[in-house]
C-alpha atoms as a PDB file:
ATOM      1  CA  MET A   1      10.932 -20.028 -69.602  1.00  0.00           C
ATOM      2  CA  ILE A   2      14.114 -20.693 -67.607  1.00  0.00           C
ATOM      3  CA  ALA A   3      13.988 -17.181 -66.118  1.00  0.00           C
ATOM      4  CA  GLU A   4      10.346 -17.785 -65.147  1.00  0.00           C
ATOM      5  CA  ALA A   5      11.232 -21.082 -63.357  1.00  0.00           C
ATOM      6  CA  ALA A   6      14.133 -19.448 -61.528  1.00  0.00           C
ATOM      7  CA  ARG A   7      11.876 -16.596 -60.361  1.00  0.00           C
ATOM      8  CA  LEU A   8       9.305 -19.085 -58.994  1.00  0.00           C
ATOM      9  CA  ARG A   9      11.957 -21.179 -57.197  1.00  0.00           C
ATOM     10  CA  ALA A  10      13.654 -18.199 -55.496  1.00  0.00           C
ATOM     11  CA  PRO A  11      10.957 -17.683 -52.796  1.00  0.00           C
ATOM     12  CA  VAL A  12      11.078 -21.419 -51.988  1.00  0.00           C
ATOM     13  CA  ALA A  13      14.866 -21.746 -52.119  1.00  0.00           C
ATOM     14  CA  ALA A  14      15.642 -19.058 -49.516  1.00  0.00           C
ATOM     15  CA  PRO A  15      13.618 -20.654 -46.665  1.00  0.00           C
ATOM     16  CA  VAL A  16      14.947 -24.127 -47.563  1.00  0.00           C
ATOM     17  CA  LEU A  17      18.542 -22.869 -47.498  1.00  0.00           C
ATOM     18  CA  LEU A  18      17.943 -21.064 -44.204  1.00  0.00           C
ATOM     19  CA  LEU A  19      16.365 -24.158 -42.632  1.00  0.00           C
ATOM     20  CA  THR A  20      19.227 -26.354 -43.879  1.00  0.00           C
ATOM     21  CA  ALA A  21      21.785 -23.934 -42.432  1.00  0.00           C
ATOM     22  CA  LEU A  22      20.028 -23.850 -39.059  1.00  0.00           C
ATOM     23  CA  LEU A  23      19.669 -27.632 -38.831  1.00  0.00           C
ATOM     24  CA  THR A  24      23.322 -28.250 -39.660  1.00  0.00           C
ATOM     25  CA  SER A  25      24.743 -25.434 -37.505  1.00  0.00           C
ATOM     26  CA  PRO A  26      26.679 -26.153 -34.289  1.00  0.00           C
ATOM     27  CA  LEU A  27      23.795 -24.551 -32.336  1.00  0.00           C
ATOM     28  CA  ALA A  28      21.343 -27.170 -33.601  1.00  0.00           C
ATOM     29  CA  ARG A  29      23.707 -29.969 -32.585  1.00  0.00           C
ATOM     30  CA  ALA A  30      24.465 -28.516 -29.138  1.00  0.00           C
ATOM     31  CA  ASP A  31      23.513 -30.449 -26.046  1.00  0.00           C
ATOM     32  CA  ASN A  32      20.222 -29.701 -24.352  1.00  0.00           C
ATOM     33  CA  PRO A  33      20.533 -26.148 -22.940  1.00  0.00           C
ATOM     34  CA  PHE A  34      18.546 -27.195 -19.833  1.00  0.00           C
ATOM     35  CA  THR A  35      20.293 -28.839 -16.904  1.00  0.00           C
ATOM     36  CA  GLN A  36      18.637 -30.676 -14.059  1.00  0.00           C
ATOM     37  CA  ILE A  37      19.034 -29.069 -10.635  1.00  0.00           C
ATOM     38  CA  GLU A  38      20.106 -31.331  -7.784  1.00  0.00           C
ATOM     39  CA  ALA A  39      17.361 -31.734  -5.168  1.00  0.00           C
ATOM     40  CA  ALA A  40      19.789 -31.732  -2.219  1.00  0.00           C
ATOM     41  CA  PRO A  41      18.494 -30.347   1.106  1.00  0.00           C
ATOM     42  CA  ARG A  42      18.921 -26.606   1.679  1.00  0.00           C
ATOM     43  CA  SER A  43      17.903 -24.067   4.237  1.00  0.00           C
ATOM     44  CA  GLU A  44      17.485 -20.585   2.748  1.00  0.00           C
ATOM     45  CA  PHE A  45      15.036 -17.938   3.948  1.00  0.00           C
ATOM     46  CA  TRP A  46      14.085 -15.074   1.629  1.00  0.00           C
ATOM     47  CA  ILE A  47      11.948 -11.963   2.153  1.00  0.00           C
ATOM     48  CA  ASP A  48       9.916 -11.253  -1.008  1.00  0.00           C
ATOM     49  CA  SER A  49       8.397  -8.011  -2.255  1.00  0.00           C
ATOM     50  CA  GLY A  50       4.973  -7.647  -3.799  1.00  0.00           C
ATOM     51  CA  PHE A  51       4.800  -7.719  -7.603  1.00  0.00           C
ATOM     52  CA  LEU A  52       5.220  -5.386 -10.541  1.00  0.00           C
ATOM     53  CA  THR A  53       2.824  -6.679 -13.185  1.00  0.00           C
ATOM     54  CA  ALA A  54       2.604  -5.899 -16.892  1.00  0.00           C
ATOM     55  CA  HIS A  55      -0.897  -7.093 -17.776  1.00  0.00           C
ATOM     56  CA  PHE A  56      -1.638  -8.658 -21.145  1.00  0.00           C
ATOM     57  CA  ASN A  57      -4.798  -6.540 -21.355  1.00  0.00           C
ATOM     58  CA  SER A  58      -3.326  -3.180 -20.426  1.00  0.00           C
ATOM     59  CA  GLY A  59      -6.427  -1.199 -21.414  1.00  0.00           C
ATOM     60  CA  ASP A  60      -8.527  -2.361 -18.451  1.00  0.00           C
ATOM     61  CA  ASN A  61      -7.130   0.121 -15.877  1.00  0.00           C
ATOM     62  CA  LEU A  62      -5.688  -2.726 -13.779  1.00  0.00           C
ATOM     63  CA  ASN A  63      -3.343  -2.211 -10.852  1.00  0.00           C
ATOM     64  CA  GLY A  64       0.182  -3.203 -11.943  1.00  0.00           C
ATOM     65  CA  ASN A  65       1.885  -2.018  -8.750  1.00  0.00           C
ATOM     66  CA  ASN A  66       0.979  -4.961  -6.522  1.00  0.00           C
ATOM     67  CA  LYS A  67       2.641  -3.812  -3.295  1.00  0.00           C
ATOM     68  CA  GLY A  68       3.021  -6.455  -0.642  1.00  0.00           C
ATOM     69  CA  LEU A  69       5.302  -8.668   1.389  1.00  0.00           C
ATOM     70  CA  GLY A  70       6.064 -12.365   1.298  1.00  0.00           C
ATOM     71  CA  ALA A  71       8.461 -15.039   2.427  1.00  0.00           C
ATOM     72  CA  GLU A  72      10.127 -17.939   0.683  1.00  0.00           C
ATOM     73  CA  TYR A  73      11.852 -20.888   2.326  1.00  0.00           C
ATOM     74  CA  ARG A  74      13.988 -23.000  -0.035  1.00  0.00           C
ATOM     75  CA  PHE A  75      14.191 -26.412   1.596  1.00  0.00           C
ATOM     76  CA  SER A  76      15.787 -28.222  -1.348  1.00  0.00           C
ATOM     77  CA  GLY A  77      17.657 -27.378  -4.505  1.00  0.00           C
ATOM     78  CA  THR A  78      14.425 -27.698  -6.483  1.00  0.00           C
ATOM     79  CA  MET A  79      11.635 -26.683  -4.065  1.00  0.00           C
ATOM     80  CA  ALA A  80      10.599 -23.784  -1.875  1.00  0.00           C
ATOM     81  CA  ALA A  81       7.554 -22.960   0.237  1.00  0.00           C
ATOM     82  CA  THR A  82       6.155 -19.471  -0.292  1.00  0.00           C
ATOM     83  CA  ALA A  83       3.472 -17.289   1.291  1.00  0.00           C
ATOM     84  CA  GLY A  84       2.550 -13.642   1.351  1.00  0.00           C
ATOM     85  CA  ARG A  85       0.069 -10.824   0.910  1.00  0.00           C
ATOM     86  CA  PHE A  86      -0.265  -8.225  -1.868  1.00  0.00           C
ATOM     87  CA  TYR A  87      -2.611  -5.585  -3.288  1.00  0.00           C
ATOM     88  CA  ASN A  88      -3.916  -7.291  -6.436  1.00  0.00           C
ATOM     89  CA  SER A  89      -4.877  -6.157  -9.948  1.00  0.00           C
ATOM     90  CA  ASP A  90      -8.499  -5.569  -8.845  1.00  0.00           C
ATOM     91  CA  ARG A  91      -7.262  -3.227  -6.085  1.00  0.00           C
ATOM     92  CA  ALA A  92      -8.129  -5.639  -3.298  1.00  0.00           C
ATOM     93  CA  TRP A  93      -5.857  -7.454  -0.831  1.00  0.00           C
ATOM     94  CA  SER A  94      -4.868 -11.034  -1.674  1.00  0.00           C
ATOM     95  CA  ASN A  95      -3.069 -13.749   0.250  1.00  0.00           C
ATOM     96  CA  TYR A  96      -1.136 -16.637  -1.253  1.00  0.00           C
ATOM     97  CA  ALA A  97       0.541 -19.835  -0.065  1.00  0.00           C
ATOM     98  CA  GLY A  98       2.153 -22.522  -2.138  1.00  0.00           C
ATOM     99  CA  VAL A  99       5.150 -24.448  -3.354  1.00  0.00           C
ATOM    100  CA  LEU A 100       7.668 -23.385  -5.949  1.00  0.00           C
ATOM    101  CA  TRP A 101       9.075 -26.332  -7.939  1.00  0.00           C
ATOM    102  CA  GLN A 102      12.014 -25.576 -10.229  1.00  0.00           C
ATOM    103  CA  PRO A 103      13.792 -28.773 -11.290  1.00  0.00           C
ATOM    104  CA  TYR A 104      15.632 -27.276 -14.292  1.00  0.00           C
ATOM    105  CA  ALA A 105      18.040 -24.465 -15.063  1.00  0.00           C
ATOM    106  CA  LEU A 106      18.780 -22.605 -18.251  1.00  0.00           C
ATOM    107  CA  GLY A 107      22.232 -21.289 -17.432  1.00  0.00           C
ATOM    108  CA  THR A 108      21.756 -19.515 -14.078  1.00  0.00           C
ATOM    109  CA  LEU A 109      17.985 -19.146 -14.546  1.00  0.00           C
ATOM    110  CA  ARG A 110      15.794 -21.590 -12.595  1.00  0.00           C
ATOM    111  CA  VAL A 111      12.795 -22.887 -14.552  1.00  0.00           C
ATOM    112  CA  GLY A 112       9.604 -24.395 -13.132  1.00  0.00           C
ATOM    113  CA  ALA A 113       6.222 -23.481 -11.716  1.00  0.00           C
ATOM    114  CA  ALA A 114       4.463 -22.327  -8.580  1.00  0.00           C
ATOM    115  CA  LEU A 115       1.467 -24.307  -7.383  1.00  0.00           C
ATOM    116  CA  ALA A 116      -0.322 -21.997  -5.002  1.00  0.00           C
ATOM    117  CA  ALA A 117      -3.651 -20.987  -3.520  1.00  0.00           C
ATOM    118  CA  PHE A 118      -4.818 -17.360  -3.754  1.00  0.00           C
ATOM    119  CA  ASP A 119      -7.736 -15.350  -2.422  1.00  0.00           C
ATOM    120  CA  GLY A 120      -9.016 -11.783  -2.659  1.00  0.00           C
ATOM    121  CA  TYR A 121     -10.054 -11.578  -6.324  1.00  0.00           C
ATOM    122  CA  PRO A 122     -13.705 -10.409  -6.238  1.00  0.00           C
ATOM    123  CA  ARG A 123     -14.748 -12.101  -9.506  1.00  0.00           C
ATOM    124  CA  MET A 124     -13.048 -15.405  -8.697  1.00  0.00           C
ATOM    125  CA  ARG A 125     -15.065 -17.515  -6.247  1.00  0.00           C
ATOM    126  CA  ASP A 126     -16.391 -14.314  -4.658  1.00  0.00           C
ATOM    127  CA  GLY A 127     -12.933 -13.498  -3.295  1.00  0.00           C
ATOM    128  CA  GLY A 128     -12.436 -16.963  -1.802  1.00  0.00           C
ATOM    129  CA  TRP A 129      -9.476 -19.298  -2.177  1.00  0.00           C
ATOM    130  CA  PHE A 130      -8.630 -20.944  -5.514  1.00  0.00           C
ATOM    131  CA  PRO A 131      -5.654 -22.944  -6.843  1.00  0.00           C
ATOM    132  CA  ALA A 132      -3.319 -21.690  -9.584  1.00  0.00           C
ATOM    133  CA  LEU A 133      -0.391 -23.109 -11.538  1.00  0.00           C
ATOM    134  CA  ILE A 134       2.016 -20.343 -12.561  1.00  0.00           C
ATOM    135  CA  PRO A 135       5.071 -20.898 -14.774  1.00  0.00           C
ATOM    136  CA  THR A 136       7.950 -19.276 -12.882  1.00  0.00           C
ATOM    137  CA  LEU A 137      11.546 -18.300 -13.621  1.00  0.00           C
ATOM    138  CA  THR A 138      14.001 -17.332 -10.874  1.00  0.00           C
ATOM    139  CA  TYR A 139      17.375 -15.628 -10.984  1.00  0.00           C
ATOM    140  CA  ASP A 140      19.415 -15.441  -7.773  1.00  0.00           C
ATOM    141  CA  TYR A 141      22.648 -13.498  -7.422  1.00  0.00           C
ATOM    142  CA  GLY A 142      24.198 -13.875  -3.996  1.00  0.00           C
ATOM    143  CA  ARG A 143      21.774 -12.396  -1.468  1.00  0.00           C
ATOM    144  CA  VAL A 144      19.360 -10.848  -4.002  1.00  0.00           C
ATOM    145  CA  GLY A 145      17.081 -12.357  -6.602  1.00  0.00           C
ATOM    146  CA  VAL A 146      13.983 -12.031  -8.732  1.00  0.00           C
ATOM    147  CA  ASN A 147      11.050 -14.284  -9.507  1.00  0.00           C
ATOM    148  CA  LEU A 148       9.250 -13.858 -12.820  1.00  0.00           C
ATOM    149  CA  GLY A 149       5.762 -15.334 -13.049  1.00  0.00           C
ATOM    150  CA  ILE A 150       3.782 -15.788 -16.234  1.00  0.00           C
ATOM    151  CA  ILE A 151       0.224 -15.353 -14.976  1.00  0.00           C
ATOM    152  CA  PRO A 152      -2.461 -16.952 -17.143  1.00  0.00           C
ATOM    153  CA  SER A 153      -5.748 -15.125 -17.767  1.00  0.00           C
ATOM    154  CA  TYR A 154      -8.948 -16.876 -16.752  1.00  0.00           C
ATOM    155  CA  LYS A 155     -12.185 -15.774 -18.414  1.00  0.00           C
ATOM    156  CA  ASP A 156     -13.193 -12.347 -17.071  1.00  0.00           C
ATOM    157  CA  ARG A 157     -12.188 -13.269 -13.520  1.00  0.00           C
ATOM    158  CA  LEU A 158      -8.381 -13.164 -13.474  1.00  0.00           C
ATOM    159  CA  TYR A 159      -6.094 -10.942 -15.528  1.00  0.00           C
ATOM    160  CA  GLY A 160      -2.953 -12.440 -17.030  1.00  0.00           C
ATOM    161  CA  GLY A 161       0.410 -10.778 -17.233  1.00  0.00           C
ATOM    162  CA  ILE A 162       4.093 -10.970 -16.465  1.00  0.00           C
ATOM    163  CA  SER A 163       4.837 -10.370 -12.768  1.00  0.00           C
ATOM    164  CA  LEU A 164       8.226  -9.476 -11.343  1.00  0.00           C
ATOM    165  CA  GLN A 165       8.988 -10.051  -7.656  1.00  0.00           C
ATOM    166  CA  PHE A 166      12.191  -8.936  -5.913  1.00  0.00           C
ATOM    167  CA  LYS A 167      13.679 -10.908  -3.037  1.00  0.00           C
ATOM    168  CA  LEU A 168      16.419 -10.687  -0.419  1.00  0.00           C
ATOM    169  CA  LYS A 169      18.085 -13.696   1.224  1.00  0.00           C
ATOM    170  CA  VAL A 170      18.029 -13.326   5.008  1.00  0.00           C
ATOM    171  CA  PHE A 171      19.973 -16.503   5.880  1.00  0.00           C
ATOM    172  CA  GLU A 172      21.176 -19.833   4.580  1.00  0.00           C
END
């Protein structure tokens, strides 16, 4: 009987011990890993590439090499204006214009979102303009950087994925 009770408690005990260890570890008690970025004025101009996109639905023969060119002007520590043109997942040309808002950092990684307008997707408003909110991470290292966008899917009109964009700082 005692052996039976011990065998039944073992599967429950391991997760409880693991959870207790995690909650009492120094990592669990550490300060918030996110820091707030100062919104001080800046003047940085970046040239941006198109996008390399890994689509969530990779079996649909979508274009993941979204060649193009864009620009980004960081006018504060937390905000930048952005615009550009790229060859989209539907193999049609798209334009975009918007604002990148990144008020937080996780180490050297900026965290926020892009609020932008896009066009050129045939199944979305017949290729016309539409708004989009895209969670965005940015890593800058001196004069080079990358933006990583997490593109949400929308019905059968827009294809979600992870998009990588390279950038080069022209001046500050």
